[in-house]
Amino acid sequence: MPSRNIEKPDKRLAAVCGLFCRSCSLFIATHEDPERLKVLAQRRGVTVEESKCDGCRAERRNSYCMTCKIYPCAMGKGIDFCGECEDYP
């Protein structure tokens, strides 16, 4: 039987909480629509730079995600996603 070359999924664009970063308005605006990013930044009352985001696990996250308590919780427990936590309901 031939072996199947199955790659591990790339978790960099999957938020710890399970959201898919590429579907986030701020991620899309950061990478595809600078004018939309300006509007979103203005609505949130932050700068365009503070609104830019490359995903939950990236160094450049938007100001909202930088204050997220879920990411540091999962990292502290050594898990990739909330669903892997024994405390998850």
C-alpha atoms as a PDB file:
ATOM      1  CA  MET A   1       0.000   0.000   0.000  1.00  0.00           C
ATOM      2  CA  PRO A   2       1.512   3.386  -0.968  1.00  0.00           C
ATOM      3  CA  SER A   3       2.139   5.776   1.904  1.00  0.00           C
ATOM      4  CA  ARG A   4       0.120   8.946   1.934  1.00  0.00           C
ATOM      5  CA  ASN A   5       2.008  12.151   2.455  1.00  0.00           C
ATOM      6  CA  ILE A   6      -0.256  13.891   4.935  1.00  0.00           C
ATOM      7  CA  GLU A   7       1.055  17.180   6.233  1.00  0.00           C
ATOM      8  CA  LYS A   8       0.260  18.513   9.656  1.00  0.00           C
ATOM      9  CA  PRO A   9      -2.141  21.471   9.489  1.00  0.00           C
ATOM     10  CA  ASP A  10      -0.601  24.932   9.757  1.00  0.00           C
ATOM     11  CA  LYS A  11      -1.841  26.309  13.078  1.00  0.00           C
ATOM     12  CA  ARG A  12      -0.421  29.786  12.606  1.00  0.00           C
ATOM     13  CA  LEU A  13      -3.696  31.145  11.246  1.00  0.00           C
ATOM     14  CA  ALA A  14      -5.996  29.311  13.624  1.00  0.00           C
ATOM     15  CA  ALA A  15      -6.638  31.243  16.801  1.00  0.00           C
ATOM     16  CA  VAL A  16      -6.337  29.401  20.104  1.00  0.00           C
ATOM     17  CA  CYS A  17     -10.083  29.843  20.621  1.00  0.00           C
ATOM     18  CA  GLY A  18     -10.757  28.143  17.279  1.00  0.00           C
ATOM     19  CA  LEU A  19     -11.470  31.152  15.074  1.00  0.00           C
ATOM     20  CA  PHE A  20      -9.877  31.145  11.629  1.00  0.00           C
ATOM     21  CA  CYS A  21      -7.752  34.298  11.397  1.00  0.00           C
ATOM     22  CA  ARG A  22      -8.098  34.610   7.612  1.00  0.00           C
ATOM     23  CA  SER A  23     -11.835  35.200   8.062  1.00  0.00           C
ATOM     24  CA  CYS A  24     -11.321  38.133  10.466  1.00  0.00           C
ATOM     25  CA  SER A  25     -12.111  41.596   9.094  1.00  0.00           C
ATOM     26  CA  LEU A  26      -8.919  43.047  10.549  1.00  0.00           C
ATOM     27  CA  PHE A  27      -6.739  40.299   9.078  1.00  0.00           C
ATOM     28  CA  ILE A  28      -8.357  40.700   5.657  1.00  0.00           C
ATOM     29  CA  ALA A  29      -8.049  44.482   5.781  1.00  0.00           C
ATOM     30  CA  THR A  30      -4.402  44.271   6.869  1.00  0.00           C
ATOM     31  CA  HIS A  31      -3.485  42.085   3.923  1.00  0.00           C
ATOM     32  CA  GLU A  32      -5.917  43.104   1.208  1.00  0.00           C
ATOM     33  CA  ASP A  33      -7.678  46.401   1.827  1.00  0.00           C
ATOM     34  CA  PRO A  34      -5.820  49.346   3.416  1.00  0.00           C
ATOM     35  CA  GLU A  35      -8.845  51.644   3.039  1.00  0.00           C
ATOM     36  CA  ARG A  36     -11.019  49.196   4.947  1.00  0.00           C
ATOM     37  CA  LEU A  37      -8.344  49.004   7.636  1.00  0.00           C
ATOM     38  CA  LYS A  38      -8.510  52.786   8.049  1.00  0.00           C
ATOM     39  CA  VAL A  39     -12.286  52.636   8.516  1.00  0.00           C
ATOM     40  CA  LEU A  40     -12.064  49.777  11.014  1.00  0.00           C
ATOM     41  CA  ALA A  41      -9.347  51.575  12.975  1.00  0.00           C
ATOM     42  CA  GLN A  42     -11.415  54.738  13.106  1.00  0.00           C
ATOM     43  CA  ARG A  43     -14.497  52.826  14.320  1.00  0.00           C
ATOM     44  CA  ARG A  44     -12.457  51.271  17.119  1.00  0.00           C
ATOM     45  CA  GLY A  45     -10.754  54.552  18.019  1.00  0.00           C
ATOM     46  CA  VAL A  46      -7.225  53.241  17.442  1.00  0.00           C
ATOM     47  CA  THR A  47      -4.506  53.876  14.901  1.00  0.00           C
ATOM     48  CA  VAL A  48      -4.148  51.942  11.670  1.00  0.00           C
ATOM     49  CA  GLU A  49      -0.889  50.471  13.003  1.00  0.00           C
ATOM     50  CA  GLU A  50      -2.683  49.210  16.142  1.00  0.00           C
ATOM     51  CA  SER A  51      -5.285  47.569  13.919  1.00  0.00           C
ATOM     52  CA  LYS A  52      -2.909  45.576  11.740  1.00  0.00           C
ATOM     53  CA  CYS A  53      -2.915  41.859  12.409  1.00  0.00           C
ATOM     54  CA  ASP A  54      -1.130  38.810  11.021  1.00  0.00           C
ATOM     55  CA  GLY A  55      -3.061  36.281  13.105  1.00  0.00           C
ATOM     56  CA  CYS A  56      -3.413  35.067  16.676  1.00  0.00           C
ATOM     57  CA  ARG A  57      -0.027  33.376  16.838  1.00  0.00           C
ATOM     58  CA  ALA A  58       1.883  36.122  15.012  1.00  0.00           C
ATOM     59  CA  GLU A  59       3.969  38.849  16.576  1.00  0.00           C
ATOM     60  CA  ARG A  60       1.866  41.574  14.943  1.00  0.00           C
ATOM     61  CA  ARG A  61      -1.634  41.295  16.382  1.00  0.00           C
ATOM     62  CA  ASN A  62      -4.256  44.006  16.565  1.00  0.00           C
ATOM     63  CA  SER A  63      -4.728  45.920  19.800  1.00  0.00           C
ATOM     64  CA  TYR A  64      -7.840  43.902  20.709  1.00  0.00           C
ATOM     65  CA  CYS A  65      -6.067  40.557  20.323  1.00  0.00           C
ATOM     66  CA  MET A  66      -3.033  41.788  22.259  1.00  0.00           C
ATOM     67  CA  THR A  67      -5.268  41.999  25.341  1.00  0.00           C
ATOM     68  CA  CYS A  68      -6.873  38.574  24.801  1.00  0.00           C
ATOM     69  CA  LYS A  69      -6.589  36.383  27.890  1.00  0.00           C
ATOM     70  CA  ILE A  70      -7.226  33.145  26.004  1.00  0.00           C
ATOM     71  CA  TYR A  71      -3.902  33.024  24.150  1.00  0.00           C
ATOM     72  CA  PRO A  72      -1.639  33.389  27.221  1.00  0.00           C
ATOM     73  CA  CYS A  73      -3.816  30.891  29.127  1.00  0.00           C
ATOM     74  CA  ALA A  74      -3.340  28.233  26.454  1.00  0.00           C
ATOM     75  CA  MET A  75       0.372  28.940  26.136  1.00  0.00           C
ATOM     76  CA  GLY A  76       0.753  28.668  29.915  1.00  0.00           C
ATOM     77  CA  LYS A  77      -0.931  25.273  29.830  1.00  0.00           C
ATOM     78  CA  GLY A  78       1.152  24.131  26.870  1.00  0.00           C
ATOM     79  CA  ILE A  79      -1.809  23.497  24.575  1.00  0.00           C
ATOM     80  CA  ASP A  80      -2.590  24.691  21.052  1.00  0.00           C
ATOM     81  CA  PHE A  81      -6.364  25.085  21.327  1.00  0.00           C
ATOM     82  CA  CYS A  82      -8.903  25.586  24.111  1.00  0.00           C
ATOM     83  CA  GLY A  83     -10.601  22.316  23.193  1.00  0.00           C
ATOM     84  CA  GLU A  84      -7.481  20.457  24.350  1.00  0.00           C
ATOM     85  CA  CYS A  85      -7.809  21.833  27.886  1.00  0.00           C
ATOM     86  CA  GLU A  86      -9.122  19.584  30.650  1.00  0.00           C
ATOM     87  CA  ASP A  87     -11.014  22.602  32.034  1.00  0.00           C
ATOM     88  CA  TYR A  88     -12.849  23.208  28.745  1.00  0.00           C
ATOM     89  CA  PRO A  89     -16.604  22.663  29.233  1.00  0.00           C
END
